[in-house]
């Protein structure tokens, strides 16, 4: 993607507007969910997608107590529970 530079002010509620040109270029729609992370002094926005809490895959997820887990990790946990050395 071509580099774009914009300056925006943060309002009293802590909000900042993402310019329409950026939203259009990234196909950002109303109600899309974004994950906000902080690395050093940088704020990073990433489109939110469910991932396995253990391995990070996004495929075939199941919900377990509000967390997402994939079949492979669920199987490994099940194997650990059967193991007597724990």
C-alpha atoms as a PDB file:
ATOM      1  CA  UNK A   1       0.000   0.000   0.000  1.00  0.00           C
ATOM      2  CA  UNK A   2       1.206   3.487  -0.807  1.00  0.00           C
ATOM      3  CA  UNK A   3       2.345   5.515   2.185  1.00  0.00           C
ATOM      4  CA  UNK A   4      -0.191   8.103   3.347  1.00  0.00           C
ATOM      5  CA  UNK A   5       0.350  10.817   5.931  1.00  0.00           C
ATOM      6  CA  UNK A   6      -2.448  12.464   7.893  1.00  0.00           C
ATOM      7  CA  UNK A   7      -2.556  14.498  11.086  1.00  0.00           C
ATOM      8  CA  UNK A   8      -5.654  14.275  13.284  1.00  0.00           C
ATOM      9  CA  UNK A   9      -6.475  15.619  16.733  1.00  0.00           C
ATOM     10  CA  UNK A  10      -7.799  13.433  19.523  1.00  0.00           C
ATOM     11  CA  UNK A  11     -11.077  14.794  20.904  1.00  0.00           C
ATOM     12  CA  UNK A  12     -12.043  15.187  24.571  1.00  0.00           C
ATOM     13  CA  UNK A  13     -13.456  11.655  24.590  1.00  0.00           C
ATOM     14  CA  UNK A  14     -10.147  10.200  23.356  1.00  0.00           C
ATOM     15  CA  UNK A  15     -11.437   9.514  19.849  1.00  0.00           C
ATOM     16  CA  UNK A  16      -9.624  10.013  16.588  1.00  0.00           C
ATOM     17  CA  UNK A  17     -11.132   9.880  13.106  1.00  0.00           C
ATOM     18  CA  UNK A  18      -9.563   7.539  10.577  1.00  0.00           C
ATOM     19  CA  UNK A  19      -9.563   9.472   7.282  1.00  0.00           C
ATOM     20  CA  UNK A  20     -11.953   8.236   4.595  1.00  0.00           C
ATOM     21  CA  UNK A  21      -9.051   7.670   2.189  1.00  0.00           C
ATOM     22  CA  UNK A  22      -7.485   5.241   4.679  1.00  0.00           C
ATOM     23  CA  UNK A  23     -10.795   3.504   5.416  1.00  0.00           C
ATOM     24  CA  UNK A  24     -11.429   3.081   1.695  1.00  0.00           C
ATOM     25  CA  UNK A  25      -7.902   1.813   0.986  1.00  0.00           C
ATOM     26  CA  UNK A  26      -8.161  -0.758   3.818  1.00  0.00           C
ATOM     27  CA  UNK A  27     -11.808  -1.656   3.163  1.00  0.00           C
ATOM     28  CA  UNK A  28     -12.812  -0.608   6.690  1.00  0.00           C
ATOM     29  CA  UNK A  29     -16.589  -0.748   7.143  1.00  0.00           C
ATOM     30  CA  UNK A  30     -18.940   0.513   9.854  1.00  0.00           C
ATOM     31  CA  UNK A  31     -19.037  -1.893  12.821  1.00  0.00           C
ATOM     32  CA  UNK A  32     -15.719  -3.581  11.908  1.00  0.00           C
ATOM     33  CA  UNK A  33     -13.810  -4.532  15.036  1.00  0.00           C
ATOM     34  CA  UNK A  34     -10.195  -3.568  15.527  1.00  0.00           C
ATOM     35  CA  UNK A  35      -7.706  -4.700  18.146  1.00  0.00           C
ATOM     36  CA  UNK A  36      -5.699  -1.901  19.778  1.00  0.00           C
ATOM     37  CA  UNK A  37      -2.207  -2.729  21.024  1.00  0.00           C
ATOM     38  CA  UNK A  38       0.652  -0.600  22.290  1.00  0.00           C
ATOM     39  CA  UNK A  39       4.290  -1.241  21.412  1.00  0.00           C
ATOM     40  CA  UNK A  40       6.605   1.253  23.049  1.00  0.00           C
ATOM     41  CA  UNK A  41       5.109   4.619  22.165  1.00  0.00           C
ATOM     42  CA  UNK A  42       3.201   3.369  19.115  1.00  0.00           C
ATOM     43  CA  UNK A  43      -0.515   2.572  18.987  1.00  0.00           C
ATOM     44  CA  UNK A  44      -1.240  -0.256  16.567  1.00  0.00           C
ATOM     45  CA  UNK A  45      -4.651  -1.049  15.071  1.00  0.00           C
ATOM     46  CA  UNK A  46      -5.241  -4.506  13.596  1.00  0.00           C
ATOM     47  CA  UNK A  47      -8.464  -5.888  12.206  1.00  0.00           C
ATOM     48  CA  UNK A  48      -9.832  -8.166  14.903  1.00  0.00           C
ATOM     49  CA  UNK A  49     -10.142 -11.841  14.158  1.00  0.00           C
ATOM     50  CA  UNK A  50     -10.633 -14.699  16.563  1.00  0.00           C
ATOM     51  CA  UNK A  51      -7.528 -16.804  17.083  1.00  0.00           C
ATOM     52  CA  UNK A  52      -6.651 -19.847  19.136  1.00  0.00           C
ATOM     53  CA  UNK A  53      -5.330 -18.592  22.478  1.00  0.00           C
ATOM     54  CA  UNK A  54      -2.496 -21.150  22.308  1.00  0.00           C
ATOM     55  CA  UNK A  55      -1.216 -21.321  18.733  1.00  0.00           C
ATOM     56  CA  UNK A  56      -2.836 -18.344  17.006  1.00  0.00           C
ATOM     57  CA  UNK A  57      -4.554 -20.215  14.184  1.00  0.00           C
ATOM     58  CA  UNK A  58      -7.856 -18.824  12.893  1.00  0.00           C
ATOM     59  CA  UNK A  59      -9.277 -22.107  11.564  1.00  0.00           C
ATOM     60  CA  UNK A  60     -12.023 -24.341  13.013  1.00  0.00           C
ATOM     61  CA  UNK A  61     -12.215 -22.541  16.353  1.00  0.00           C
ATOM     62  CA  UNK A  62     -14.471 -23.564  19.205  1.00  0.00           C
ATOM     63  CA  UNK A  63     -15.453 -21.379  22.150  1.00  0.00           C
ATOM     64  CA  UNK A  64     -14.326 -22.578  25.588  1.00  0.00           C
ATOM     65  CA  UNK A  65     -15.194 -20.379  28.587  1.00  0.00           C
ATOM     66  CA  UNK A  66     -15.098 -17.259  26.405  1.00  0.00           C
ATOM     67  CA  UNK A  67     -11.787 -18.177  24.742  1.00  0.00           C
ATOM     68  CA  UNK A  68     -11.177 -19.589  21.274  1.00  0.00           C
ATOM     69  CA  UNK A  69      -9.327 -22.861  20.881  1.00  0.00           C
ATOM     70  CA  UNK A  70      -8.509 -24.957  17.816  1.00  0.00           C
ATOM     71  CA  UNK A  71      -9.016 -28.739  17.594  1.00  0.00           C
ATOM     72  CA  UNK A  72      -5.240 -29.446  17.602  1.00  0.00           C
ATOM     73  CA  UNK A  73      -4.647 -27.541  20.852  1.00  0.00           C
ATOM     74  CA  UNK A  74      -7.784 -29.023  22.422  1.00  0.00           C
ATOM     75  CA  UNK A  75      -6.456 -32.494  21.573  1.00  0.00           C
ATOM     76  CA  UNK A  76      -3.049 -31.719  23.100  1.00  0.00           C
ATOM     77  CA  UNK A  77      -4.699 -30.474  26.300  1.00  0.00           C
ATOM     78  CA  UNK A  78      -6.805 -33.612  26.428  1.00  0.00           C
ATOM     79  CA  UNK A  79      -3.644 -35.740  26.079  1.00  0.00           C
ATOM     80  CA  UNK A  80      -1.994 -33.819  28.924  1.00  0.00           C
ATOM     81  CA  UNK A  81      -4.971 -34.448  31.178  1.00  0.00           C
ATOM     82  CA  UNK A  82      -4.647 -38.202  30.565  1.00  0.00           C
ATOM     83  CA  UNK A  83      -0.927 -38.115  31.325  1.00  0.00           C
ATOM     84  CA  UNK A  84      -0.138 -39.381  34.878  1.00  0.00           C
ATOM     85  CA  UNK A  85       3.157 -37.442  35.146  1.00  0.00           C
ATOM     86  CA  UNK A  86       1.397 -34.117  35.762  1.00  0.00           C
END
